[in-house]
Amino acid sequence: MGQYVGLDVSLETTKVHVLDEQGKRVGTCVTHPTAIEATIRQHAPEAVRIGLETGPLTTWLWQALTEVGLPMACLDARQAALNMKINKTDDNDAEGLAHLVRSGWYREVRVKSREAMLTRSLLGARTQLLGIVTDLSNQIRGLLKTLVVPKGAGKIFEANVRRLLEGEPAVAAIILPLLESWRAVRVRAAELDRQLLAAAREVSPADDRPRRRRRRRGVLRGRHRDAGSLPEITRRRRLDRLDATALPVGRG
C-alpha cells in the first residue's frame, strides 16, 4: 500500500501524519523544507501524494519540496476545512489532509512559480509607493492651503512648495520633512517602474502572439513607447506558466 502524507503547517512547526496500513502519526518537525523532507524520507519513503493547505508559507514549501522530487499536492484550505474533524487540533488536521489526498476528494490549487510571485510582489510594492507619494503630496497641499496660500502648490509641485515656504520658517519646519520624504519615495517608485518596464520587454515566445494581438487592439498603444507595459506584465503574472497561445481569443 502506498503512503499518503498530510502536513499541517504553522510558522514554527509542522505536524506530519503518514497514512498507511497502520495509520501512524509521525509527530512534529521544524517548518523548513529540509526538515520536512528528512521527516518524509524517513517515515514515508513510498509516499504517493503529500498534501498541504494553501497559506502564507505554501509557495515557499511547495516549490522547495517539489524541486527535491516529492509528490506535492496543494489543497484549497476553505474546502479542506469542511472535511476536517470537529475536534480541530494540529494533529487531527494533518490526519484529515492525509485522508483527503488518499481519497482524492479535494480541489488542488496550482501554485504559481517563484518568478510570478516576484512579479506580483514588485507590482504590490510599486502600488504601495505610489499611494504614499499621493498621500504625502495631498498632505503638503492641504497644509499649504491652511497655513500659507489658499491655492496650494500648483502643478510644478516641489519648486512651488519651496518658493511658497520662503519667509515661512515655522511652516517650512513642518512641510520640508514631508517634501523630502515625498521626493525620496518618488525616486524609489521610479526604480520599481524601471524594473517593471524591463520585465515587460522580456516577452517569451509563448507570449509573443497575445502581445501582437493586444497591440492591434490598442492595449499597448499610447504616446509613450512603453505605454501598456503595466497591463502586459500584469497579464503575464496572471497567466504564469500557462501556454498563452492555447487560450481562446475573444472578439471584444
C-alpha atoms as a PDB file:
ATOM      1  CA  MET A   1       0.000   0.000   0.000  1.00  0.00           C
ATOM      2  CA  GLY A   2       1.261   3.448  -0.876  1.00  0.00           C
ATOM      3  CA  GLN A   3       1.726   6.077   1.776  1.00  0.00           C
ATOM      4  CA  TYR A   4      -0.176   9.346   1.902  1.00  0.00           C
ATOM      5  CA  VAL A   5       1.102  12.265   3.951  1.00  0.00           C
ATOM      6  CA  GLY A   6      -0.689  15.248   5.435  1.00  0.00           C
ATOM      7  CA  LEU A   7       1.222  18.377   6.528  1.00  0.00           C
ATOM      8  CA  ASP A   8      -0.373  20.879   8.889  1.00  0.00           C
ATOM      9  CA  VAL A   9       1.921  23.875   8.624  1.00  0.00           C
ATOM     10  CA  SER A  10       2.366  26.641  11.182  1.00  0.00           C
ATOM     11  CA  LEU A  11       5.002  29.323  11.463  1.00  0.00           C
ATOM     12  CA  GLU A  12       7.328  27.399  13.774  1.00  0.00           C
ATOM     13  CA  THR A  13       6.420  23.711  13.485  1.00  0.00           C
ATOM     14  CA  THR A  14       4.698  21.311  11.079  1.00  0.00           C
ATOM     15  CA  LYS A  15       2.579  18.320  12.074  1.00  0.00           C
ATOM     16  CA  VAL A  16       3.194  15.263   9.889  1.00  0.00           C
ATOM     17  CA  HIS A  17       0.739  12.386   9.517  1.00  0.00           C
ATOM     18  CA  VAL A  18       1.513   9.327   7.386  1.00  0.00           C
ATOM     19  CA  LEU A  19      -1.459   7.252   6.288  1.00  0.00           C
ATOM     20  CA  ASP A  20      -0.654   3.604   5.587  1.00  0.00           C
ATOM     21  CA  GLU A  21      -1.863   0.241   6.885  1.00  0.00           C
ATOM     22  CA  GLN A  22      -1.165   1.352  10.434  1.00  0.00           C
ATOM     23  CA  GLY A  23      -2.330   4.950  10.004  1.00  0.00           C
ATOM     24  CA  LYS A  24       0.559   6.226  12.095  1.00  0.00           C
ATOM     25  CA  ARG A  25       1.225   9.766  13.250  1.00  0.00           C
ATOM     26  CA  VAL A  26       4.823  10.811  12.903  1.00  0.00           C
ATOM     27  CA  GLY A  27       4.739  13.923  15.075  1.00  0.00           C
ATOM     28  CA  THR A  28       6.288  17.355  14.691  1.00  0.00           C
ATOM     29  CA  CYS A  29       9.202  18.819  12.792  1.00  0.00           C
ATOM     30  CA  VAL A  30      10.531  22.309  12.191  1.00  0.00           C
ATOM     31  CA  THR A  31       8.766  24.270   9.469  1.00  0.00           C
ATOM     32  CA  HIS A  32      11.591  24.230   6.936  1.00  0.00           C
ATOM     33  CA  PRO A  33      11.833  22.349   3.632  1.00  0.00           C
ATOM     34  CA  THR A  34      14.971  20.472   4.699  1.00  0.00           C
ATOM     35  CA  ALA A  35      13.454  19.241   7.969  1.00  0.00           C
ATOM     36  CA  ILE A  36      10.156  18.278   6.330  1.00  0.00           C
ATOM     37  CA  GLU A  37      11.938  16.412   3.533  1.00  0.00           C
ATOM     38  CA  ALA A  38      14.067  14.484   6.019  1.00  0.00           C
ATOM     39  CA  THR A  39      10.983  13.512   8.045  1.00  0.00           C
ATOM     40  CA  ILE A  40       9.110  12.324   4.957  1.00  0.00           C
ATOM     41  CA  ARG A  41      12.097  10.404   3.585  1.00  0.00           C
ATOM     42  CA  GLN A  42      12.461   8.616   6.916  1.00  0.00           C
ATOM     43  CA  HIS A  43       8.837   7.802   7.711  1.00  0.00           C
ATOM     44  CA  ALA A  44       7.195   7.770   4.260  1.00  0.00           C
ATOM     45  CA  PRO A  45       9.740   6.647   1.678  1.00  0.00           C
ATOM     46  CA  GLU A  46       6.935   5.339  -0.569  1.00  0.00           C
ATOM     47  CA  ALA A  47       4.780   8.450  -0.428  1.00  0.00           C
ATOM     48  CA  VAL A  48       2.298   8.622  -3.294  1.00  0.00           C
ATOM     49  CA  ARG A  49       0.966  12.081  -2.533  1.00  0.00           C
ATOM     50  CA  ILE A  50       1.751  14.731   0.090  1.00  0.00           C
ATOM     51  CA  GLY A  51      -0.917  17.291   0.881  1.00  0.00           C
ATOM     52  CA  LEU A  52      -0.684  20.734   2.434  1.00  0.00           C
ATOM     53  CA  GLU A  53      -3.181  23.572   2.572  1.00  0.00           C
ATOM     54  CA  THR A  54      -2.927  26.987   0.990  1.00  0.00           C
ATOM     55  CA  GLY A  55      -1.395  29.557   3.302  1.00  0.00           C
ATOM     56  CA  PRO A  56       1.367  32.162   3.702  1.00  0.00           C
ATOM     57  CA  LEU A  57       4.157  29.542   3.652  1.00  0.00           C
ATOM     58  CA  THR A  58       2.679  27.319   0.956  1.00  0.00           C
ATOM     59  CA  THR A  59       4.552  28.758  -2.034  1.00  0.00           C
ATOM     60  CA  TRP A  60       7.932  28.503  -0.309  1.00  0.00           C
ATOM     61  CA  LEU A  61       7.403  24.948   0.963  1.00  0.00           C
ATOM     62  CA  TRP A  62       5.667  23.593  -2.150  1.00  0.00           C
ATOM     63  CA  GLN A  63       8.356  24.834  -4.528  1.00  0.00           C
ATOM     64  CA  ALA A  64      11.250  23.632  -2.358  1.00  0.00           C
ATOM     65  CA  LEU A  65       9.743  20.190  -1.746  1.00  0.00           C
ATOM     66  CA  THR A  66       8.710  19.763  -5.371  1.00  0.00           C
ATOM     67  CA  GLU A  67      12.243  20.544  -6.540  1.00  0.00           C
ATOM     68  CA  VAL A  68      13.598  17.613  -4.487  1.00  0.00           C
ATOM     69  CA  GLY A  69      11.151  15.233  -6.151  1.00  0.00           C
ATOM     70  CA  LEU A  70       8.393  14.871  -3.548  1.00  0.00           C
ATOM     71  CA  PRO A  71       4.839  14.381  -4.950  1.00  0.00           C
ATOM     72  CA  MET A  72       3.251  17.512  -3.505  1.00  0.00           C
ATOM     73  CA  ALA A  73      -0.432  18.484  -3.756  1.00  0.00           C
ATOM     74  CA  CYS A  74      -1.692  21.890  -2.653  1.00  0.00           C
ATOM     75  CA  LEU A  75      -5.262  21.797  -1.292  1.00  0.00           C
ATOM     76  CA  ASP A  76      -7.784  24.616  -1.131  1.00  0.00           C
ATOM     77  CA  ALA A  77      -7.864  25.490   2.580  1.00  0.00           C
ATOM     78  CA  ARG A  78     -11.531  26.504   2.556  1.00  0.00           C
ATOM     79  CA  GLN A  79     -12.660  23.229   1.029  1.00  0.00           C
ATOM     80  CA  ALA A  80     -10.342  21.186   3.245  1.00  0.00           C
ATOM     81  CA  ALA A  81     -11.745  22.851   6.370  1.00  0.00           C
ATOM     82  CA  LEU A  82     -15.194  21.465   5.549  1.00  0.00           C
ATOM     83  CA  ASN A  83     -13.852  17.917   5.614  1.00  0.00           C
ATOM     84  CA  MET A  84     -11.895  18.157   8.853  1.00  0.00           C
ATOM     85  CA  LYS A  85     -12.913  16.628  12.165  1.00  0.00           C
ATOM     86  CA  ILE A  86     -14.990  18.652  14.600  1.00  0.00           C
ATOM     87  CA  ASN A  87     -12.234  18.320  17.214  1.00  0.00           C
ATOM     88  CA  LYS A  88      -9.751  20.597  15.468  1.00  0.00           C
ATOM     89  CA  THR A  89      -6.165  20.131  16.514  1.00  0.00           C
ATOM     90  CA  ASP A  90      -2.974  20.297  14.508  1.00  0.00           C
ATOM     91  CA  ASP A  91      -2.632  16.508  14.668  1.00  0.00           C
ATOM     92  CA  ASN A  92      -6.224  15.961  13.507  1.00  0.00           C
ATOM     93  CA  ASP A  93      -5.786  18.484  10.705  1.00  0.00           C
ATOM     94  CA  ALA A  94      -2.692  16.665   9.440  1.00  0.00           C
ATOM     95  CA  GLU A  95      -4.578  13.373   9.573  1.00  0.00           C
ATOM     96  CA  GLY A  96      -7.527  14.894   7.719  1.00  0.00           C
ATOM     97  CA  LEU A  97      -5.258  16.170   4.952  1.00  0.00           C
ATOM     98  CA  ALA A  98      -3.720  12.704   4.604  1.00  0.00           C
ATOM     99  CA  HIS A  99      -7.199  11.161   4.218  1.00  0.00           C
ATOM    100  CA  LEU A 100      -8.150  13.800   1.648  1.00  0.00           C
ATOM    101  CA  VAL A 101      -5.145  13.193  -0.601  1.00  0.00           C
ATOM    102  CA  ARG A 102      -5.701   9.422  -0.298  1.00  0.00           C
ATOM    103  CA  SER A 103      -9.379   9.624  -1.294  1.00  0.00           C
ATOM    104  CA  GLY A 104      -8.890  12.289  -3.960  1.00  0.00           C
ATOM    105  CA  TRP A 105     -11.851  14.324  -2.687  1.00  0.00           C
ATOM    106  CA  TYR A 106     -10.132  17.666  -2.791  1.00  0.00           C
ATOM    107  CA  ARG A 107      -9.622  20.636  -5.081  1.00  0.00           C
ATOM    108  CA  GLU A 108      -5.974  21.025  -5.981  1.00  0.00           C
ATOM    109  CA  VAL A 109      -4.612  24.558  -6.231  1.00  0.00           C
ATOM    110  CA  ARG A 110      -1.978  25.424  -8.807  1.00  0.00           C
ATOM    111  CA  VAL A 111       0.955  27.077  -7.056  1.00  0.00           C
ATOM    112  CA  LYS A 112       2.469  29.885  -9.096  1.00  0.00           C
ATOM    113  CA  SER A 113       6.144  29.973  -9.939  1.00  0.00           C
ATOM    114  CA  ARG A 114       8.680  31.986  -7.984  1.00  0.00           C
ATOM    115  CA  GLU A 115       9.049  34.343 -10.954  1.00  0.00           C
ATOM    116  CA  ALA A 116       5.319  35.072 -10.933  1.00  0.00           C
ATOM    117  CA  MET A 117       5.369  35.715  -7.184  1.00  0.00           C
ATOM    118  CA  LEU A 118       8.313  38.088  -7.571  1.00  0.00           C
ATOM    119  CA  THR A 119       6.425  39.993 -10.263  1.00  0.00           C
ATOM    120  CA  ARG A 120       3.354  40.153  -8.050  1.00  0.00           C
ATOM    121  CA  SER A 121       5.459  41.483  -5.168  1.00  0.00           C
ATOM    122  CA  LEU A 122       7.033  44.066  -7.468  1.00  0.00           C
ATOM    123  CA  LEU A 123       3.616  45.281  -8.598  1.00  0.00           C
ATOM    124  CA  GLY A 124       2.410  45.450  -4.991  1.00  0.00           C
ATOM    125  CA  ALA A 125       5.466  47.393  -3.834  1.00  0.00           C
ATOM    126  CA  ARG A 126       5.085  49.869  -6.680  1.00  0.00           C
ATOM    127  CA  THR A 127       1.409  50.403  -5.886  1.00  0.00           C
ATOM    128  CA  GLN A 128       2.240  50.948  -2.215  1.00  0.00           C
ATOM    129  CA  LEU A 129       4.903  53.554  -3.002  1.00  0.00           C
ATOM    130  CA  LEU A 130       2.654  55.412  -5.431  1.00  0.00           C
ATOM    131  CA  GLY A 131      -0.028  55.546  -2.749  1.00  0.00           C
ATOM    132  CA  ILE A 132       2.469  57.003  -0.285  1.00  0.00           C
ATOM    133  CA  VAL A 133       3.508  59.637  -2.842  1.00  0.00           C
ATOM    134  CA  THR A 134      -0.118  60.657  -3.360  1.00  0.00           C
ATOM    135  CA  ASP A 135      -0.822  60.812   0.376  1.00  0.00           C
ATOM    136  CA  LEU A 136       2.262  62.925   1.045  1.00  0.00           C
ATOM    137  CA  SER A 137       1.517  65.366  -1.770  1.00  0.00           C
ATOM    138  CA  ASN A 138      -2.085  65.738  -0.599  1.00  0.00           C
ATOM    139  CA  GLN A 139      -0.881  66.360   2.949  1.00  0.00           C
ATOM    140  CA  ILE A 140       1.559  69.036   1.773  1.00  0.00           C
ATOM    141  CA  ARG A 141      -1.060  70.737  -0.393  1.00  0.00           C
ATOM    142  CA  GLY A 142      -3.521  70.759   2.490  1.00  0.00           C
ATOM    143  CA  LEU A 143      -1.005  72.316   4.878  1.00  0.00           C
ATOM    144  CA  LEU A 144      -0.071  74.987   2.344  1.00  0.00           C
ATOM    145  CA  LYS A 145      -3.722  75.884   1.794  1.00  0.00           C
ATOM    146  CA  THR A 146      -4.224  76.207   5.543  1.00  0.00           C
ATOM    147  CA  LEU A 147      -1.014  77.962   6.557  1.00  0.00           C
ATOM    148  CA  VAL A 148       0.411  79.816   3.520  1.00  0.00           C
ATOM    149  CA  VAL A 149      -1.752  80.303   0.411  1.00  0.00           C
ATOM    150  CA  PRO A 150      -5.293  79.163  -0.460  1.00  0.00           C
ATOM    151  CA  LYS A 151      -4.297  77.798  -3.886  1.00  0.00           C
ATOM    152  CA  GLY A 152      -1.858  75.173  -2.654  1.00  0.00           C
ATOM    153  CA  ALA A 153       1.291  74.189  -4.545  1.00  0.00           C
ATOM    154  CA  GLY A 154       0.165  74.088  -8.170  1.00  0.00           C
ATOM    155  CA  LYS A 155       1.364  71.617 -10.833  1.00  0.00           C
ATOM    156  CA  ILE A 156       5.155  72.165 -10.610  1.00  0.00           C
ATOM    157  CA  PHE A 157       4.983  70.688  -7.183  1.00  0.00           C
ATOM    158  CA  GLU A 158       8.381  70.723  -5.494  1.00  0.00           C
ATOM    159  CA  ALA A 159       9.589  74.021  -6.932  1.00  0.00           C
ATOM    160  CA  ASN A 160       6.351  75.769  -5.984  1.00  0.00           C
ATOM    161  CA  VAL A 161       6.393  74.329  -2.473  1.00  0.00           C
ATOM    162  CA  ARG A 162       9.906  75.603  -1.835  1.00  0.00           C
ATOM    163  CA  ARG A 163       9.022  79.007  -3.281  1.00  0.00           C
ATOM    164  CA  LEU A 164       5.947  79.300  -1.086  1.00  0.00           C
ATOM    165  CA  LEU A 165       7.932  78.376   2.016  1.00  0.00           C
ATOM    166  CA  GLU A 166      10.332  81.312   1.608  1.00  0.00           C
ATOM    167  CA  GLY A 167       9.950  83.589   4.618  1.00  0.00           C
ATOM    168  CA  GLU A 168       7.877  80.964   6.469  1.00  0.00           C
ATOM    169  CA  PRO A 169      10.393  79.173   8.737  1.00  0.00           C
ATOM    170  CA  ALA A 170       7.767  77.780  11.112  1.00  0.00           C
ATOM    171  CA  VAL A 171       5.751  76.247   8.270  1.00  0.00           C
ATOM    172  CA  ALA A 172       8.918  75.059   6.493  1.00  0.00           C
ATOM    173  CA  ALA A 173       9.968  73.121   9.589  1.00  0.00           C
ATOM    174  CA  ILE A 174       6.754  71.107   9.227  1.00  0.00           C
ATOM    175  CA  ILE A 175       6.499  70.720   5.471  1.00  0.00           C
ATOM    176  CA  LEU A 176      10.120  70.236   4.378  1.00  0.00           C
ATOM    177  CA  PRO A 177      10.463  66.796   6.076  1.00  0.00           C
ATOM    178  CA  LEU A 178       7.308  65.726   4.250  1.00  0.00           C
ATOM    179  CA  LEU A 179       8.649  67.131   0.988  1.00  0.00           C
ATOM    180  CA  GLU A 180      11.964  65.321   1.361  1.00  0.00           C
ATOM    181  CA  SER A 181      10.134  62.068   2.086  1.00  0.00           C
ATOM    182  CA  TRP A 182       7.905  62.666  -0.949  1.00  0.00           C
ATOM    183  CA  ARG A 183      10.969  63.121  -3.147  1.00  0.00           C
ATOM    184  CA  ALA A 184      12.741  60.027  -1.781  1.00  0.00           C
ATOM    185  CA  VAL A 185       9.677  57.806  -2.253  1.00  0.00           C
ATOM    186  CA  ARG A 186       9.253  59.074  -5.812  1.00  0.00           C
ATOM    187  CA  VAL A 187      12.839  58.083  -6.576  1.00  0.00           C
ATOM    188  CA  ARG A 188      12.220  54.557  -5.235  1.00  0.00           C
ATOM    189  CA  ALA A 189       8.948  54.294  -7.148  1.00  0.00           C
ATOM    190  CA  ALA A 190      10.766  55.280 -10.344  1.00  0.00           C
ATOM    191  CA  GLU A 191      13.294  52.484  -9.739  1.00  0.00           C
ATOM    192  CA  LEU A 192      10.456  49.960  -9.482  1.00  0.00           C
ATOM    193  CA  ASP A 193       8.938  51.406 -12.663  1.00  0.00           C
ATOM    194  CA  ARG A 194      12.183  50.705 -14.499  1.00  0.00           C
ATOM    195  CA  GLN A 195      12.207  47.138 -13.198  1.00  0.00           C
ATOM    196  CA  LEU A 196       8.651  46.647 -14.427  1.00  0.00           C
ATOM    197  CA  LEU A 197       9.449  48.043 -17.873  1.00  0.00           C
ATOM    198  CA  ALA A 198      12.492  45.781 -18.157  1.00  0.00           C
ATOM    199  CA  ALA A 199      10.407  42.755 -17.157  1.00  0.00           C
ATOM    200  CA  ALA A 200       7.659  43.668 -19.635  1.00  0.00           C
ATOM    201  CA  ARG A 201      10.156  43.804 -22.516  1.00  0.00           C
ATOM    202  CA  GLU A 202      11.329  40.259 -21.820  1.00  0.00           C
ATOM    203  CA  VAL A 203       8.494  38.515 -23.656  1.00  0.00           C
ATOM    204  CA  SER A 204       8.808  34.760 -24.098  1.00  0.00           C
ATOM    205  CA  PRO A 205       7.902  33.119 -27.460  1.00  0.00           C
ATOM    206  CA  ALA A 206       4.679  31.735 -25.937  1.00  0.00           C
ATOM    207  CA  ASP A 207       3.599  35.273 -25.081  1.00  0.00           C
ATOM    208  CA  ASP A 208       4.507  36.774 -28.459  1.00  0.00           C
ATOM    209  CA  ARG A 209       1.210  36.106 -30.211  1.00  0.00           C
ATOM    210  CA  PRO A 210      -1.066  37.520 -27.470  1.00  0.00           C
ATOM    211  CA  ARG A 211       1.207  40.602 -27.273  1.00  0.00           C
ATOM    212  CA  ARG A 212       0.826  41.291 -31.005  1.00  0.00           C
ATOM    213  CA  ARG A 213      -2.926  40.748 -30.779  1.00  0.00           C
ATOM    214  CA  ARG A 214      -3.251  43.202 -27.909  1.00  0.00           C
ATOM    215  CA  ARG A 215      -1.115  45.731 -29.738  1.00  0.00           C
ATOM    216  CA  ARG A 216      -3.619  45.671 -32.609  1.00  0.00           C
ATOM    217  CA  ARG A 217      -6.489  46.000 -30.171  1.00  0.00           C
ATOM    218  CA  GLY A 218      -4.891  49.059 -28.588  1.00  0.00           C
ATOM    219  CA  VAL A 219      -3.803  47.717 -25.209  1.00  0.00           C
ATOM    220  CA  LEU A 220      -0.173  48.654 -25.828  1.00  0.00           C
ATOM    221  CA  ARG A 221      -0.846  51.870 -27.705  1.00  0.00           C
ATOM    222  CA  GLY A 222      -0.057  55.245 -26.227  1.00  0.00           C
ATOM    223  CA  ARG A 223       2.023  58.386 -26.509  1.00  0.00           C
ATOM    224  CA  HIS A 224       4.956  56.832 -24.663  1.00  0.00           C
ATOM    225  CA  ARG A 225       6.883  53.994 -26.259  1.00  0.00           C
ATOM    226  CA  ASP A 226       6.419  51.906 -23.092  1.00  0.00           C
ATOM    227  CA  ALA A 227       2.696  52.571 -22.782  1.00  0.00           C
ATOM    228  CA  GLY A 228       0.857  49.417 -21.894  1.00  0.00           C
ATOM    229  CA  SER A 229       3.795  47.698 -20.183  1.00  0.00           C
ATOM    230  CA  LEU A 230       1.952  47.536 -16.892  1.00  0.00           C
ATOM    231  CA  PRO A 231      -1.076  45.718 -18.408  1.00  0.00           C
ATOM    232  CA  GLU A 232       1.336  43.381 -20.200  1.00  0.00           C
ATOM    233  CA  ILE A 233       3.300  42.422 -17.100  1.00  0.00           C
ATOM    234  CA  THR A 234       0.065  42.045 -15.145  1.00  0.00           C
ATOM    235  CA  ARG A 235      -1.269  39.681 -17.811  1.00  0.00           C
ATOM    236  CA  ARG A 236       1.920  37.622 -17.725  1.00  0.00           C
ATOM    237  CA  ARG A 237       1.740  37.331 -13.948  1.00  0.00           C
ATOM    238  CA  ARG A 238      -1.840  36.096 -14.210  1.00  0.00           C
ATOM    239  CA  LEU A 239      -1.046  33.518 -16.898  1.00  0.00           C
ATOM    240  CA  ASP A 240       2.187  32.420 -15.202  1.00  0.00           C
ATOM    241  CA  ARG A 241       3.341  29.226 -16.907  1.00  0.00           C
ATOM    242  CA  LEU A 242       0.220  28.525 -18.918  1.00  0.00           C
ATOM    243  CA  ASP A 243       0.565  28.321 -22.668  1.00  0.00           C
ATOM    244  CA  ALA A 244      -0.901  31.663 -23.698  1.00  0.00           C
ATOM    245  CA  THR A 245      -1.304  30.611 -27.322  1.00  0.00           C
ATOM    246  CA  ALA A 246      -3.754  27.896 -26.242  1.00  0.00           C
ATOM    247  CA  LEU A 247      -6.132  30.364 -24.615  1.00  0.00           C
ATOM    248  CA  PRO A 248      -9.318  31.235 -26.509  1.00  0.00           C
ATOM    249  CA  VAL A 249      -9.248  34.513 -28.361  1.00  0.00           C
ATOM    250  CA  GLY A 250     -12.232  36.755 -27.752  1.00  0.00           C
ATOM    251  CA  ARG A 251     -13.600  39.370 -30.117  1.00  0.00           C
ATOM    252  CA  GLY A 252     -14.260  42.077 -27.502  1.00  0.00           C
END
